[in-house]
Amino acid sequence: MPDVLYYVLSFLLVLIVMGGIAMLSRVETAQRGNLLSAAAVAVAVIVTIVFFDVFDTTVAILSVLVAVVLGASVGTFLALRVRMTQMPQLVALLNGVGGSASAVVAALTLTREITRFEHATALLALAVGTLTLSGSLVAAGKLAEILHGRPVVLPGHRALNNTLIITILLIIAGSVGLAAPAAFSLPVLAALGLALGVVFTIRIGGADMPIAISLLNSLSGVAGAIAGMAIGNVLLVALGGIVGASGLVLTQLMCQAMNQPLGRILFAAKVSSDTSDSADKEEKTTAQATRRSTDLATLIGEAERVILAPGYGMALAQAQHKVKRLADALAETGKDVRFAIHP
């Protein structure tokens, strides 16, 4: 495939993906936008295979075919079996897979003769990819209740977080500056990236985990874009950048909808270990919830129009039948009952 044709196709595919993402902002077009973006990415894979002449040997052809069949089979199985309330866990796992793919690409890049720029971007992609993998696994584990959903704050948690980040950056700078072999930097960076992902995610509580997953989705795109720089694939750079940017925008929108600054969610206050304080807080929270319930019942009783906005928490609690009974009971009293989409 000529270079000019490759760049033109890449430009068109990027525009199609961006158009599909834009369609996600409306309920009427969201499904078509999702399918459009997915089809464009599938074509992008084919274009990449053709342009880089991946099918140069029989082994390469068989490897790609096996990977496609396995990936499509697992993806289809999960999409059909996973309940809607389990969708955040599935998205978290998919983010982890994306991060691990970028890490594998980066690791393989480090095993060949490369320039300093490729060396630096490969190491950075390895770190971000492994961070995304472990962080996504922790997020999925919390949402699936395999791990405890409460925030886990270690002694000196923020200092540990910052130390890991600085150490990763120093190793990357030192490895590139000294042209150190991958045999040293690769396993060390992978281990540090995995550790940072765990330390970064465990301090986030279950209620805020959808925001963490959105941020990890952004990081998976960033890892892909950096890996694209390492291997000289402009299409991967562009699509990874789109995923990174759109994930960051979604994270910000979710924070605004929840009236929570992103910094407060990511760097929550230390969890108290004093049982008496915890009991007092729990009692106070229960009393506040009771008052809010009473106030809400009074407001609903006096209202002429009621709008219900089911969110993730309501879905996780399997409260759809109670919500339906509430809507029917309100409608029988002559109230105008409507449903809205939660931010």
C-alpha atoms as a PDB file:
ATOM      1  CA  MET A   1       0.000   0.000   0.000  1.00  0.00           C
ATOM      2  CA  PRO A   2       1.448   3.438  -0.963  1.00  0.00           C
ATOM      3  CA  ASP A   3       2.240   5.802   1.891  1.00  0.00           C
ATOM      4  CA  VAL A   4      -0.125   8.497   0.603  1.00  0.00           C
ATOM      5  CA  LEU A   5      -3.059   6.066   0.489  1.00  0.00           C
ATOM      6  CA  TYR A   6      -2.278   4.876   4.014  1.00  0.00           C
ATOM      7  CA  TYR A   7      -2.299   8.423   5.402  1.00  0.00           C
ATOM      8  CA  VAL A   8      -5.497   9.333   3.559  1.00  0.00           C
ATOM      9  CA  LEU A   9      -7.258   6.201   4.844  1.00  0.00           C
ATOM     10  CA  SER A  10      -5.944   6.873   8.351  1.00  0.00           C
ATOM     11  CA  PHE A  11      -7.315  10.423   8.234  1.00  0.00           C
ATOM     12  CA  LEU A  12     -10.736   9.228   7.050  1.00  0.00           C
ATOM     13  CA  LEU A  13     -10.902   6.465   9.672  1.00  0.00           C
ATOM     14  CA  VAL A  14     -10.025   8.917  12.444  1.00  0.00           C
ATOM     15  CA  LEU A  15     -12.820  11.227  11.279  1.00  0.00           C
ATOM     16  CA  ILE A  16     -15.285   8.314  11.252  1.00  0.00           C
ATOM     17  CA  VAL A  17     -14.307   7.283  14.787  1.00  0.00           C
ATOM     18  CA  MET A  18     -14.700  10.870  16.004  1.00  0.00           C
ATOM     19  CA  GLY A  19     -18.095  11.063  14.291  1.00  0.00           C
ATOM     20  CA  GLY A  20     -19.155   7.835  16.005  1.00  0.00           C
ATOM     21  CA  ILE A  21     -18.087   9.216  19.388  1.00  0.00           C
ATOM     22  CA  ALA A  22     -20.068  12.410  18.716  1.00  0.00           C
ATOM     23  CA  MET A  23     -23.147  10.264  18.044  1.00  0.00           C
ATOM     24  CA  LEU A  24     -22.820   8.737  21.515  1.00  0.00           C
ATOM     25  CA  SER A  25     -24.002  12.011  23.071  1.00  0.00           C
ATOM     26  CA  ARG A  26     -27.603  11.391  21.917  1.00  0.00           C
ATOM     27  CA  VAL A  27     -29.773   8.444  22.903  1.00  0.00           C
ATOM     28  CA  GLU A  28     -31.291   8.150  19.416  1.00  0.00           C
ATOM     29  CA  THR A  29     -27.909   7.802  17.687  1.00  0.00           C
ATOM     30  CA  ALA A  30     -25.720   6.243  20.412  1.00  0.00           C
ATOM     31  CA  GLN A  31     -26.063   2.643  19.243  1.00  0.00           C
ATOM     32  CA  ARG A  32     -25.312   3.533  15.620  1.00  0.00           C
ATOM     33  CA  GLY A  33     -22.361   5.662  16.718  1.00  0.00           C
ATOM     34  CA  ASN A  34     -20.934   2.769  18.699  1.00  0.00           C
ATOM     35  CA  LEU A  35     -21.266   0.404  15.736  1.00  0.00           C
ATOM     36  CA  LEU A  36     -19.771   3.001  13.377  1.00  0.00           C
ATOM     37  CA  SER A  37     -16.693   3.518  15.556  1.00  0.00           C
ATOM     38  CA  ALA A  38     -16.254  -0.237  16.042  1.00  0.00           C
ATOM     39  CA  ALA A  39     -16.432  -0.833  12.273  1.00  0.00           C
ATOM     40  CA  ALA A  40     -13.890   1.949  11.655  1.00  0.00           C
ATOM     41  CA  VAL A  41     -11.465   0.423  14.169  1.00  0.00           C
ATOM     42  CA  ALA A  42     -11.890  -3.001  12.520  1.00  0.00           C
ATOM     43  CA  VAL A  43     -11.021  -1.444   9.138  1.00  0.00           C
ATOM     44  CA  ALA A  44      -8.069   0.312  10.795  1.00  0.00           C
ATOM     45  CA  VAL A  45      -6.702  -3.065  11.893  1.00  0.00           C
ATOM     46  CA  ILE A  46      -6.965  -4.368   8.316  1.00  0.00           C
ATOM     47  CA  VAL A  47      -5.311  -1.232   6.894  1.00  0.00           C
ATOM     48  CA  THR A  48      -2.459  -1.579   9.394  1.00  0.00           C
ATOM     49  CA  ILE A  49      -1.933  -5.254   8.523  1.00  0.00           C
ATOM     50  CA  VAL A  50      -1.809  -4.481   4.804  1.00  0.00           C
ATOM     51  CA  PHE A  51       0.405  -1.376   5.079  1.00  0.00           C
ATOM     52  CA  PHE A  52       2.998  -2.987   7.346  1.00  0.00           C
ATOM     53  CA  ASP A  53       2.898  -6.224   5.317  1.00  0.00           C
ATOM     54  CA  VAL A  54       2.206  -8.370   8.355  1.00  0.00           C
ATOM     55  CA  PHE A  55       1.162 -11.348   6.222  1.00  0.00           C
ATOM     56  CA  ASP A  56       4.706 -12.022   5.010  1.00  0.00           C
ATOM     57  CA  THR A  57       4.849 -15.607   6.294  1.00  0.00           C
ATOM     58  CA  THR A  58       2.429 -18.454   6.908  1.00  0.00           C
ATOM     59  CA  VAL A  59       3.140 -18.300  10.635  1.00  0.00           C
ATOM     60  CA  ALA A  60       2.188 -14.612  10.708  1.00  0.00           C
ATOM     61  CA  ILE A  61      -1.082 -15.302   8.865  1.00  0.00           C
ATOM     62  CA  LEU A  62      -2.016 -18.128  11.246  1.00  0.00           C
ATOM     63  CA  SER A  63      -1.045 -16.050  14.306  1.00  0.00           C
ATOM     64  CA  VAL A  64      -3.277 -13.142  13.285  1.00  0.00           C
ATOM     65  CA  LEU A  65      -6.198 -15.413  12.398  1.00  0.00           C
ATOM     66  CA  VAL A  66      -5.974 -17.275  15.712  1.00  0.00           C
ATOM     67  CA  ALA A  67      -5.776 -13.994  17.641  1.00  0.00           C
ATOM     68  CA  VAL A  68      -8.799 -12.570  15.814  1.00  0.00           C
ATOM     69  CA  VAL A  69     -10.900 -15.701  16.341  1.00  0.00           C
ATOM     70  CA  LEU A  70      -9.976 -15.961  20.035  1.00  0.00           C
ATOM     71  CA  GLY A  71     -10.528 -12.270  20.706  1.00  0.00           C
ATOM     72  CA  ALA A  72     -13.859 -12.145  18.873  1.00  0.00           C
ATOM     73  CA  SER A  73     -15.063 -15.314  20.610  1.00  0.00           C
ATOM     74  CA  VAL A  74     -14.210 -14.093  24.114  1.00  0.00           C
ATOM     75  CA  GLY A  75     -15.641 -10.628  23.419  1.00  0.00           C
ATOM     76  CA  THR A  76     -18.900 -12.022  22.034  1.00  0.00           C
ATOM     77  CA  PHE A  77     -19.244 -14.447  24.934  1.00  0.00           C
ATOM     78  CA  LEU A  78     -18.759 -11.706  27.519  1.00  0.00           C
ATOM     79  CA  ALA A  79     -21.096  -9.286  25.757  1.00  0.00           C
ATOM     80  CA  LEU A  80     -23.885 -11.878  25.688  1.00  0.00           C
ATOM     81  CA  ARG A  81     -23.418 -13.209  29.231  1.00  0.00           C
ATOM     82  CA  VAL A  82     -22.651 -10.089  31.269  1.00  0.00           C
ATOM     83  CA  ARG A  83     -25.635  -8.362  32.905  1.00  0.00           C
ATOM     84  CA  MET A  84     -26.061  -4.599  32.541  1.00  0.00           C
ATOM     85  CA  THR A  85     -25.242  -4.097  36.230  1.00  0.00           C
ATOM     86  CA  GLN A  86     -21.914  -5.834  35.566  1.00  0.00           C
ATOM     87  CA  MET A  87     -21.044  -3.555  32.662  1.00  0.00           C
ATOM     88  CA  PRO A  88     -18.638  -1.337  34.672  1.00  0.00           C
ATOM     89  CA  GLN A  89     -16.621  -4.437  35.628  1.00  0.00           C
ATOM     90  CA  LEU A  90     -16.507  -5.521  31.988  1.00  0.00           C
ATOM     91  CA  VAL A  91     -15.378  -2.060  30.874  1.00  0.00           C
ATOM     92  CA  ALA A  92     -12.666  -2.152  33.545  1.00  0.00           C
ATOM     93  CA  LEU A  93     -11.431  -5.521  32.269  1.00  0.00           C
ATOM     94  CA  LEU A  94     -11.437  -4.240  28.680  1.00  0.00           C
ATOM     95  CA  ASN A  95      -9.383  -1.231  29.797  1.00  0.00           C
ATOM     96  CA  GLY A  96      -6.926  -3.649  31.400  1.00  0.00           C
ATOM     97  CA  VAL A  97      -6.690  -5.674  28.201  1.00  0.00           C
ATOM     98  CA  GLY A  98      -6.004  -2.490  26.238  1.00  0.00           C
ATOM     99  CA  GLY A  99      -3.280  -1.477  28.657  1.00  0.00           C
ATOM    100  CA  SER A 100      -1.673  -4.912  28.585  1.00  0.00           C
ATOM    101  CA  ALA A 101      -1.707  -4.913  24.765  1.00  0.00           C
ATOM    102  CA  SER A 102       0.178  -1.601  24.725  1.00  0.00           C
ATOM    103  CA  ALA A 103       2.627  -2.975  27.296  1.00  0.00           C
ATOM    104  CA  VAL A 104       3.283  -6.068  25.153  1.00  0.00           C
ATOM    105  CA  VAL A 105       3.860  -3.899  22.058  1.00  0.00           C
ATOM    106  CA  ALA A 106       6.271  -1.732  24.047  1.00  0.00           C
ATOM    107  CA  ALA A 107       8.120  -4.748  25.451  1.00  0.00           C
ATOM    108  CA  LEU A 108       8.599  -6.270  21.995  1.00  0.00           C
ATOM    109  CA  THR A 109       9.782  -2.919  20.655  1.00  0.00           C
ATOM    110  CA  LEU A 110      12.508  -2.820  23.312  1.00  0.00           C
ATOM    111  CA  THR A 111      13.929  -6.131  22.090  1.00  0.00           C
ATOM    112  CA  ARG A 112      15.115  -4.677  18.761  1.00  0.00           C
ATOM    113  CA  GLU A 113      17.445  -1.899  17.605  1.00  0.00           C
ATOM    114  CA  ILE A 114      15.599   1.394  18.105  1.00  0.00           C
ATOM    115  CA  THR A 115      16.248   5.129  18.279  1.00  0.00           C
ATOM    116  CA  ARG A 116      16.313   7.059  21.565  1.00  0.00           C
ATOM    117  CA  PHE A 117      12.858   8.470  20.910  1.00  0.00           C
ATOM    118  CA  GLU A 118      11.469   4.992  20.279  1.00  0.00           C
ATOM    119  CA  HIS A 119      13.290   3.751  23.392  1.00  0.00           C
ATOM    120  CA  ALA A 120      11.750   6.491  25.565  1.00  0.00           C
ATOM    121  CA  THR A 121       8.221   6.092  24.213  1.00  0.00           C
ATOM    122  CA  ALA A 122       8.375   2.302  24.501  1.00  0.00           C
ATOM    123  CA  LEU A 123       9.418   2.516  28.145  1.00  0.00           C
ATOM    124  CA  LEU A 124       6.676   5.076  28.878  1.00  0.00           C
ATOM    125  CA  ALA A 125       4.066   2.937  27.102  1.00  0.00           C
ATOM    126  CA  LEU A 126       5.198  -0.057  29.146  1.00  0.00           C
ATOM    127  CA  ALA A 127       4.769   1.864  32.407  1.00  0.00           C
ATOM    128  CA  VAL A 128       1.362   3.346  31.528  1.00  0.00           C
ATOM    129  CA  GLY A 129       0.133   0.055  30.085  1.00  0.00           C
ATOM    130  CA  THR A 130       1.026  -2.002  33.161  1.00  0.00           C
ATOM    131  CA  LEU A 131      -0.424   0.709  35.423  1.00  0.00           C
ATOM    132  CA  THR A 132      -3.702   0.516  33.479  1.00  0.00           C
ATOM    133  CA  LEU A 133      -3.723  -3.284  33.670  1.00  0.00           C
ATOM    134  CA  SER A 134      -3.311  -3.612  37.449  1.00  0.00           C
ATOM    135  CA  GLY A 135      -5.500  -0.605  38.216  1.00  0.00           C
ATOM    136  CA  SER A 136      -8.302  -1.965  36.042  1.00  0.00           C
ATOM    137  CA  LEU A 137      -8.084  -5.390  37.681  1.00  0.00           C
ATOM    138  CA  VAL A 138      -8.387  -3.798  41.133  1.00  0.00           C
ATOM    139  CA  ALA A 139     -11.346  -1.688  39.956  1.00  0.00           C
ATOM    140  CA  ALA A 140     -13.103  -4.721  38.469  1.00  0.00           C
ATOM    141  CA  GLY A 141     -12.405  -6.715  41.641  1.00  0.00           C
ATOM    142  CA  LYS A 142     -13.950  -4.022  43.833  1.00  0.00           C
ATOM    143  CA  LEU A 143     -17.056  -3.705  41.681  1.00  0.00           C
ATOM    144  CA  ALA A 144     -17.474  -7.490  41.511  1.00  0.00           C
ATOM    145  CA  GLU A 145     -17.049  -7.609  45.331  1.00  0.00           C
ATOM    146  CA  ILE A 146     -14.051  -9.919  44.975  1.00  0.00           C
ATOM    147  CA  LEU A 147     -12.140  -7.157  46.783  1.00  0.00           C
ATOM    148  CA  HIS A 148     -13.539  -4.923  49.512  1.00  0.00           C
ATOM    149  CA  GLY A 149     -15.211  -1.849  48.066  1.00  0.00           C
ATOM    150  CA  ARG A 150     -14.080   0.566  50.768  1.00  0.00           C
ATOM    151  CA  PRO A 151     -11.075   2.847  50.193  1.00  0.00           C
ATOM    152  CA  VAL A 152      -7.815   1.310  51.375  1.00  0.00           C
ATOM    153  CA  VAL A 153      -5.343   3.947  52.504  1.00  0.00           C
ATOM    154  CA  LEU A 154      -1.804   2.773  53.266  1.00  0.00           C
ATOM    155  CA  PRO A 155       0.587   4.607  55.629  1.00  0.00           C
ATOM    156  CA  GLY A 156       2.121   7.445  53.632  1.00  0.00           C
ATOM    157  CA  HIS A 157      -0.116   6.573  50.682  1.00  0.00           C
ATOM    158  CA  ARG A 158       0.340   9.804  48.751  1.00  0.00           C
ATOM    159  CA  ALA A 159       4.103   9.785  49.315  1.00  0.00           C
ATOM    160  CA  LEU A 160       4.238   6.175  48.092  1.00  0.00           C
ATOM    161  CA  ASN A 161       2.221   7.140  45.016  1.00  0.00           C
ATOM    162  CA  ASN A 162       4.534  10.054  44.204  1.00  0.00           C
ATOM    163  CA  THR A 163       7.661   7.978  44.887  1.00  0.00           C
ATOM    164  CA  LEU A 164       6.563   5.324  42.391  1.00  0.00           C
ATOM    165  CA  ILE A 165       5.840   7.951  39.727  1.00  0.00           C
ATOM    166  CA  ILE A 166       9.193   9.709  40.239  1.00  0.00           C
ATOM    167  CA  THR A 167      11.085   6.399  40.257  1.00  0.00           C
ATOM    168  CA  ILE A 168       9.447   5.349  36.975  1.00  0.00           C
ATOM    169  CA  LEU A 169      10.360   8.660  35.322  1.00  0.00           C
ATOM    170  CA  LEU A 170      13.946   8.491  36.617  1.00  0.00           C
ATOM    171  CA  ILE A 171      14.389   4.923  35.320  1.00  0.00           C
ATOM    172  CA  ILE A 172      13.049   5.940  31.901  1.00  0.00           C
ATOM    173  CA  ALA A 173      15.353   8.977  31.759  1.00  0.00           C
ATOM    174  CA  GLY A 174      18.343   6.983  32.965  1.00  0.00           C
ATOM    175  CA  SER A 175      17.698   4.064  30.632  1.00  0.00           C
ATOM    176  CA  VAL A 176      17.411   6.316  27.596  1.00  0.00           C
ATOM    177  CA  GLY A 177      20.357   8.496  28.579  1.00  0.00           C
ATOM    178  CA  LEU A 178      22.650   5.539  29.237  1.00  0.00           C
ATOM    179  CA  ALA A 179      21.158   3.393  26.453  1.00  0.00           C
ATOM    180  CA  ALA A 180      20.651   0.671  29.059  1.00  0.00           C
ATOM    181  CA  PRO A 181      19.607  -2.739  27.755  1.00  0.00           C
ATOM    182  CA  ALA A 182      15.950  -3.738  27.991  1.00  0.00           C
ATOM    183  CA  ALA A 183      16.909  -6.769  30.108  1.00  0.00           C
ATOM    184  CA  PHE A 184      17.125  -4.438  33.128  1.00  0.00           C
ATOM    185  CA  SER A 185      14.619  -1.643  32.484  1.00  0.00           C
ATOM    186  CA  LEU A 186      11.810  -3.824  31.095  1.00  0.00           C
ATOM    187  CA  PRO A 187      11.056  -6.030  34.143  1.00  0.00           C
ATOM    188  CA  VAL A 188      11.724  -3.235  36.646  1.00  0.00           C
ATOM    189  CA  LEU A 189       9.406  -0.775  34.890  1.00  0.00           C
ATOM    190  CA  ALA A 190       6.722  -3.430  34.452  1.00  0.00           C
ATOM    191  CA  ALA A 191       6.832  -4.234  38.178  1.00  0.00           C
ATOM    192  CA  LEU A 192       6.731  -0.560  39.177  1.00  0.00           C
ATOM    193  CA  GLY A 193       3.859   0.119  36.773  1.00  0.00           C
ATOM    194  CA  LEU A 194       1.846  -2.767  38.192  1.00  0.00           C
ATOM    195  CA  ALA A 195       2.538  -1.569  41.737  1.00  0.00           C
ATOM    196  CA  LEU A 196       1.512   2.003  40.895  1.00  0.00           C
ATOM    197  CA  GLY A 197      -1.761   0.802  39.387  1.00  0.00           C
ATOM    198  CA  VAL A 198      -2.651  -1.064  42.585  1.00  0.00           C
ATOM    199  CA  VAL A 199      -1.592   1.760  44.926  1.00  0.00           C
ATOM    200  CA  PHE A 200      -3.424   4.317  42.786  1.00  0.00           C
ATOM    201  CA  THR A 201      -6.730   2.400  42.637  1.00  0.00           C
ATOM    202  CA  ILE A 202      -7.150   0.784  46.058  1.00  0.00           C
ATOM    203  CA  ARG A 203      -7.692   4.116  47.784  1.00  0.00           C
ATOM    204  CA  ILE A 204     -10.790   4.834  45.642  1.00  0.00           C
ATOM    205  CA  GLY A 205     -14.118   3.723  47.131  1.00  0.00           C
ATOM    206  CA  GLY A 206     -16.653   1.559  45.322  1.00  0.00           C
ATOM    207  CA  ALA A 207     -19.146   4.398  44.827  1.00  0.00           C
ATOM    208  CA  ASP A 208     -16.505   6.434  42.955  1.00  0.00           C
ATOM    209  CA  MET A 209     -15.152   3.454  41.023  1.00  0.00           C
ATOM    210  CA  PRO A 210     -17.030   4.277  37.751  1.00  0.00           C
ATOM    211  CA  ILE A 211     -15.064   7.542  37.633  1.00  0.00           C
ATOM    212  CA  ALA A 212     -11.822   5.646  38.237  1.00  0.00           C
ATOM    213  CA  ILE A 213     -12.735   3.269  35.415  1.00  0.00           C
ATOM    214  CA  SER A 214     -13.354   6.206  33.087  1.00  0.00           C
ATOM    215  CA  LEU A 215      -9.937   7.604  33.974  1.00  0.00           C
ATOM    216  CA  LEU A 216      -8.326   4.197  33.413  1.00  0.00           C
ATOM    217  CA  ASN A 217     -10.077   4.081  30.044  1.00  0.00           C
ATOM    218  CA  SER A 218      -8.358   7.337  29.216  1.00  0.00           C
ATOM    219  CA  LEU A 219      -5.011   5.904  30.345  1.00  0.00           C
ATOM    220  CA  SER A 220      -5.486   2.849  28.113  1.00  0.00           C
ATOM    221  CA  GLY A 221      -5.854   5.215  25.153  1.00  0.00           C
ATOM    222  CA  VAL A 222      -2.784   7.186  26.222  1.00  0.00           C
ATOM    223  CA  ALA A 223      -0.793   3.945  26.481  1.00  0.00           C
ATOM    224  CA  GLY A 224      -1.918   2.972  22.975  1.00  0.00           C
ATOM    225  CA  ALA A 225      -0.963   6.370  21.554  1.00  0.00           C
ATOM    226  CA  ILE A 226       2.507   6.227  23.136  1.00  0.00           C
ATOM    227  CA  ALA A 227       2.988   2.659  21.882  1.00  0.00           C
ATOM    228  CA  GLY A 228       2.030   3.944  18.420  1.00  0.00           C
ATOM    229  CA  MET A 229       4.843   6.487  18.652  1.00  0.00           C
ATOM    230  CA  ALA A 230       7.277   3.732  19.591  1.00  0.00           C
ATOM    231  CA  ILE A 231       6.453   1.623  16.525  1.00  0.00           C
ATOM    232  CA  GLY A 232       5.835   4.521  14.112  1.00  0.00           C
ATOM    233  CA  ASN A 233       2.123   3.833  13.578  1.00  0.00           C
ATOM    234  CA  VAL A 234       0.369   7.191  13.108  1.00  0.00           C
ATOM    235  CA  LEU A 235      -3.067   5.544  13.017  1.00  0.00           C
ATOM    236  CA  LEU A 236      -2.539   4.009  16.454  1.00  0.00           C
ATOM    237  CA  VAL A 237      -1.289   7.351  17.775  1.00  0.00           C
ATOM    238  CA  ALA A 238      -4.404   9.136  16.520  1.00  0.00           C
ATOM    239  CA  LEU A 239      -6.940   6.556  17.716  1.00  0.00           C
ATOM    240  CA  GLY A 240      -5.192   6.183  21.074  1.00  0.00           C
ATOM    241  CA  GLY A 241      -5.233   9.948  21.459  1.00  0.00           C
ATOM    242  CA  ILE A 242      -8.975  10.023  20.740  1.00  0.00           C
ATOM    243  CA  VAL A 243      -9.647   7.369  23.378  1.00  0.00           C
ATOM    244  CA  GLY A 244      -7.441   9.202  25.867  1.00  0.00           C
ATOM    245  CA  ALA A 245      -9.103  12.568  25.273  1.00  0.00           C
ATOM    246  CA  SER A 246     -12.672  11.262  25.226  1.00  0.00           C
ATOM    247  CA  GLY A 247     -12.059   9.260  28.411  1.00  0.00           C
ATOM    248  CA  LEU A 248     -10.711  12.355  30.137  1.00  0.00           C
ATOM    249  CA  VAL A 249     -13.726  14.428  29.034  1.00  0.00           C
ATOM    250  CA  LEU A 250     -16.090  11.707  30.268  1.00  0.00           C
ATOM    251  CA  THR A 251     -14.247  11.588  33.606  1.00  0.00           C
ATOM    252  CA  GLN A 252     -14.655  15.336  34.028  1.00  0.00           C
ATOM    253  CA  LEU A 253     -18.357  15.204  33.125  1.00  0.00           C
ATOM    254  CA  MET A 254     -18.962  12.403  35.636  1.00  0.00           C
ATOM    255  CA  CYS A 255     -17.171  14.386  38.355  1.00  0.00           C
ATOM    256  CA  GLN A 256     -19.351  17.414  37.627  1.00  0.00           C
ATOM    257  CA  ALA A 257     -22.505  15.270  37.690  1.00  0.00           C
ATOM    258  CA  MET A 258     -21.510  13.875  41.101  1.00  0.00           C
ATOM    259  CA  ASN A 259     -20.379  17.289  42.419  1.00  0.00           C
ATOM    260  CA  GLN A 260     -17.004  15.759  43.261  1.00  0.00           C
ATOM    261  CA  PRO A 261     -13.625  17.212  42.214  1.00  0.00           C
ATOM    262  CA  LEU A 262     -11.411  14.588  40.590  1.00  0.00           C
ATOM    263  CA  GLY A 263      -8.608  15.297  43.065  1.00  0.00           C
ATOM    264  CA  ARG A 264     -10.844  14.534  46.031  1.00  0.00           C
ATOM    265  CA  ILE A 265     -11.841  11.182  44.496  1.00  0.00           C
ATOM    266  CA  LEU A 266      -8.292  10.149  43.608  1.00  0.00           C
ATOM    267  CA  PHE A 267      -6.683  11.437  46.818  1.00  0.00           C
ATOM    268  CA  ALA A 268      -9.394  10.792  49.377  1.00  0.00           C
ATOM    269  CA  ALA A 269      -8.897  11.539  53.031  1.00  0.00           C
ATOM    270  CA  LYS A 270      -7.457   8.823  55.220  1.00  0.00           C
ATOM    271  CA  VAL A 271      -9.939   6.220  56.414  1.00  0.00           C
ATOM    272  CA  SER A 272     -10.300   6.264  60.183  1.00  0.00           C
ATOM    273  CA  SER A 273      -9.373   3.084  62.012  1.00  0.00           C
ATOM    274  CA  ASP A 274     -11.105   4.166  65.248  1.00  0.00           C
ATOM    275  CA  THR A 275     -14.137   1.942  65.698  1.00  0.00           C
ATOM    276  CA  SER A 276     -15.922   4.394  68.003  1.00  0.00           C
ATOM    277  CA  ASP A 277     -15.530   7.187  65.454  1.00  0.00           C
ATOM    278  CA  SER A 278     -16.753   4.842  62.723  1.00  0.00           C
ATOM    279  CA  ALA A 279     -19.804   3.899  64.782  1.00  0.00           C
ATOM    280  CA  ASP A 280     -20.615   7.559  65.471  1.00  0.00           C
ATOM    281  CA  LYS A 281     -20.263   8.412  61.801  1.00  0.00           C
ATOM    282  CA  GLU A 282     -22.444   5.485  60.797  1.00  0.00           C
ATOM    283  CA  GLU A 283     -25.141   6.508  63.307  1.00  0.00           C
ATOM    284  CA  LYS A 284     -25.020  10.108  62.109  1.00  0.00           C
ATOM    285  CA  THR A 285     -25.193   8.985  58.451  1.00  0.00           C
ATOM    286  CA  THR A 286     -28.198   6.782  59.215  1.00  0.00           C
ATOM    287  CA  ALA A 287     -29.990   9.659  60.941  1.00  0.00           C
ATOM    288  CA  GLN A 288     -29.280  11.977  58.024  1.00  0.00           C
ATOM    289  CA  ALA A 289     -30.531   9.368  55.548  1.00  0.00           C
ATOM    290  CA  THR A 290     -33.742   8.947  57.571  1.00  0.00           C
ATOM    291  CA  ARG A 291     -34.349  12.704  57.552  1.00  0.00           C
ATOM    292  CA  ARG A 292     -33.681  12.894  53.826  1.00  0.00           C
ATOM    293  CA  SER A 293     -36.111  10.018  53.199  1.00  0.00           C
ATOM    294  CA  THR A 294     -38.815  11.773  55.253  1.00  0.00           C
ATOM    295  CA  ASP A 295     -38.221  15.072  53.465  1.00  0.00           C
ATOM    296  CA  LEU A 296     -38.249  13.321  50.099  1.00  0.00           C
ATOM    297  CA  ALA A 297     -41.532  11.547  50.871  1.00  0.00           C
ATOM    298  CA  THR A 298     -43.081  14.892  51.832  1.00  0.00           C
ATOM    299  CA  LEU A 299     -41.847  16.540  48.646  1.00  0.00           C
ATOM    300  CA  ILE A 300     -43.126  13.710  46.453  1.00  0.00           C
ATOM    301  CA  GLY A 301     -46.489  13.781  48.218  1.00  0.00           C
ATOM    302  CA  GLU A 302     -46.887  17.496  47.498  1.00  0.00           C
ATOM    303  CA  ALA A 303     -45.480  17.444  43.953  1.00  0.00           C
ATOM    304  CA  GLU A 304     -47.620  17.429  40.807  1.00  0.00           C
ATOM    305  CA  ARG A 305     -44.815  16.192  38.549  1.00  0.00           C
ATOM    306  CA  VAL A 306     -42.174  13.618  39.539  1.00  0.00           C
ATOM    307  CA  ILE A 307     -39.097  12.767  37.471  1.00  0.00           C
ATOM    308  CA  LEU A 308     -37.192   9.574  38.335  1.00  0.00           C
ATOM    309  CA  ALA A 309     -33.543   9.341  37.241  1.00  0.00           C
ATOM    310  CA  PRO A 310     -32.297   5.772  37.876  1.00  0.00           C
ATOM    311  CA  GLY A 311     -28.516   5.679  38.241  1.00  0.00           C
ATOM    312  CA  TYR A 312     -25.760   3.130  38.710  1.00  0.00           C
ATOM    313  CA  GLY A 313     -26.439   2.708  42.437  1.00  0.00           C
ATOM    314  CA  MET A 314     -30.120   1.951  41.823  1.00  0.00           C
ATOM    315  CA  ALA A 315     -29.204  -0.593  39.164  1.00  0.00           C
ATOM    316  CA  LEU A 316     -26.587  -2.203  41.409  1.00  0.00           C
ATOM    317  CA  ALA A 317     -29.202  -2.520  44.184  1.00  0.00           C
ATOM    318  CA  GLN A 318     -31.543  -4.302  41.735  1.00  0.00           C
ATOM    319  CA  ALA A 319     -34.222  -1.746  42.684  1.00  0.00           C
ATOM    320  CA  GLN A 320     -35.979  -1.615  39.308  1.00  0.00           C
ATOM    321  CA  HIS A 321     -39.123  -3.409  40.547  1.00  0.00           C
ATOM    322  CA  LYS A 322     -39.518  -1.066  43.523  1.00  0.00           C
ATOM    323  CA  VAL A 323     -38.988   1.928  41.258  1.00  0.00           C
ATOM    324  CA  LYS A 324     -41.702   0.605  38.930  1.00  0.00           C
ATOM    325  CA  ARG A 325     -44.114   0.139  41.853  1.00  0.00           C
ATOM    326  CA  LEU A 326     -43.345   3.653  43.066  1.00  0.00           C
ATOM    327  CA  ALA A 327     -43.971   5.089  39.593  1.00  0.00           C
ATOM    328  CA  ASP A 328     -47.295   3.205  39.315  1.00  0.00           C
ATOM    329  CA  ALA A 329     -48.393   4.320  42.790  1.00  0.00           C
ATOM    330  CA  LEU A 330     -47.607   7.942  42.011  1.00  0.00           C
ATOM    331  CA  ALA A 331     -49.388   7.749  38.650  1.00  0.00           C
ATOM    332  CA  GLU A 332     -52.520   6.365  40.354  1.00  0.00           C
ATOM    333  CA  THR A 333     -52.679   9.488  42.544  1.00  0.00           C
ATOM    334  CA  GLY A 334     -52.824  11.637  39.412  1.00  0.00           C
ATOM    335  CA  LYS A 335     -49.196  12.793  39.351  1.00  0.00           C
ATOM    336  CA  ASP A 336     -47.282  13.281  36.103  1.00  0.00           C
ATOM    337  CA  VAL A 337     -44.466  10.678  36.369  1.00  0.00           C
ATOM    338  CA  ARG A 338     -41.550  10.715  33.949  1.00  0.00           C
ATOM    339  CA  PHE A 339     -38.145   9.029  33.700  1.00  0.00           C
ATOM    340  CA  ALA A 340     -34.855  10.767  32.915  1.00  0.00           C
ATOM    341  CA  ILE A 341     -31.344   9.563  32.123  1.00  0.00           C
ATOM    342  CA  HIS A 342     -28.893   9.926  35.008  1.00  0.00           C
ATOM    343  CA  PRO A 343     -25.857  12.121  34.191  1.00  0.00           C
END
